[in-house]
Protein backbone atom coordinates (compact mmCIF):
# COMPACT_ATOMS: atom_id res chain seq x y z
CA MET A 1 -0.37 -0.19 0.12
CA TYR A 2 1.17 2.97 -1.19
CA GLN A 3 2.47 5.54 1.37
CA PRO A 4 2.99 9.60 0.80
CA THR A 5 6.69 10.38 2.62
CA PRO A 6 7.03 13.61 3.81
CA ASP A 7 8.23 15.07 0.23
CA HIS A 8 5.18 13.81 -0.79
CA ILE A 9 3.35 15.70 1.75
CA ASP A 10 5.15 18.97 0.91
CA MET A 11 4.56 18.82 -2.70
CA TRP A 12 1.38 18.75 -1.84
CA ARG A 13 1.52 21.78 0.48
CA ARG A 14 3.25 23.56 -2.67
CA GLY A 15 -0.13 23.18 -4.56
CA TRP A 16 1.28 20.18 -6.70
CA SER A 17 -1.93 17.81 -8.49
CA CYS A 18 -2.47 14.24 -7.90
CA THR A 19 -1.19 13.72 -11.53
CA ALA A 20 2.57 15.47 -10.56
CA ILE A 21 3.29 14.03 -7.38
CA SER A 22 1.55 9.94 -9.03
CA ASP A 23 4.34 10.87 -11.76
CA VAL A 24 7.44 11.18 -9.00
CA ALA A 25 6.30 8.87 -6.68
CA GLY A 26 5.80 5.70 -9.44
CA VAL A 27 1.95 5.25 -8.64
CA SER A 28 -1.42 5.86 -9.67
CA LYS A 29 -2.83 9.31 -9.41
CA ASP A 30 -6.02 7.87 -8.13
CA THR A 31 -3.32 6.36 -5.21
CA VAL A 32 -1.76 9.13 -4.45
CA CYS A 33 -5.66 11.36 -4.23
CA ARG A 34 -6.66 8.08 -1.61
CA ALA A 35 -3.83 8.44 0.00
CA MET A 36 -4.17 12.13 0.88
CA ASN A 37 -7.97 11.66 1.74
CA ARG A 38 -6.86 8.96 4.44
CA LEU A 39 -4.25 11.16 5.95
CA GLY A 40 -7.14 13.61 6.20
CA PHE A 41 -6.35 16.43 3.37
CA ASP A 42 -9.44 17.63 1.44
CA LEU A 43 -9.01 17.69 -2.25
CA HIS A 44 -11.40 20.70 -3.48
CA SER A 45 -10.55 22.75 -0.81
CA ARG A 46 -6.89 22.96 -0.64
CA PRO A 47 -4.38 26.47 -1.17
CA LYS A 48 -3.71 26.58 -5.34
CA PRO A 49 -0.85 29.30 -5.04
CA THR A 50 -0.43 28.63 -8.57
CA VAL A 51 -3.52 29.30 -9.53
CA GLU A 52 -3.61 32.58 -7.01
CA ALA A 53 -0.40 33.27 -8.22
CA ALA A 54 -2.11 33.26 -12.39
CA ARG A 55 -5.12 35.53 -11.21
CA ILE A 56 -2.37 38.23 -9.36
CA GLU A 57 -0.04 38.25 -12.66
CA SER A 58 -3.40 38.32 -14.61
CA ARG A 59 -4.85 41.32 -12.88
CA ARG A 60 -0.96 43.18 -12.79
CA LEU A 61 -0.51 42.52 -16.69
CA LYS A 62 -4.53 43.66 -17.36
CA GLU A 63 -3.53 46.95 -15.25
CA SER A 64 -0.47 47.73 -17.12
CA GLY A 65 -2.35 47.28 -20.45
CA GLU A 66 -1.92 44.41 -22.29
CA SER A 67 -4.97 42.82 -23.94
CA VAL A 68 -6.43 39.22 -22.57
CA THR A 69 -4.78 37.05 -25.33
CA ARG A 70 -1.41 38.20 -24.49
CA ILE A 71 -1.95 37.59 -21.32
CA SER A 72 -3.54 34.11 -21.76
CA ASP A 73 -0.03 33.60 -23.63
CA ILE A 74 2.12 34.49 -20.78
CA VAL A 75 -0.14 32.94 -18.12
CA GLY A 76 -1.29 29.70 -19.78
CA TYR A 77 -4.70 30.03 -18.94
CA SER A 78 -7.77 30.00 -21.67
CA GLU A 79 -8.79 33.62 -22.60
CA ARG A 80 -11.91 32.69 -21.36
CA GLN A 81 -10.14 32.38 -17.69
CA ILE A 82 -8.31 35.46 -17.85
CA ARG A 83 -11.80 37.41 -18.67
CA ARG A 84 -13.08 36.08 -15.46
CA TRP A 85 -9.96 36.63 -13.12
CA ILE A 86 -9.90 40.44 -14.19
CA LYS A 87 -13.75 40.93 -13.95
């Protein structure tokens, strides 16, 4: 049975996805998700620092005059998502 290592738990807390952790751990993403659930970690309301950083960067770029298309290229999210964030 898979048991997350302290490194895997640290990755989780820093916003890594189950898929990314599973690539490092050599197990399936479902196995990682089940293990994190067993340890009491909430899959749905955990911090997502990479998303929050993208939101902040999107707003900053919009304030500096960049177009939604350009922001999308820079940040790596769809134009639709960028529009939601900068409203």
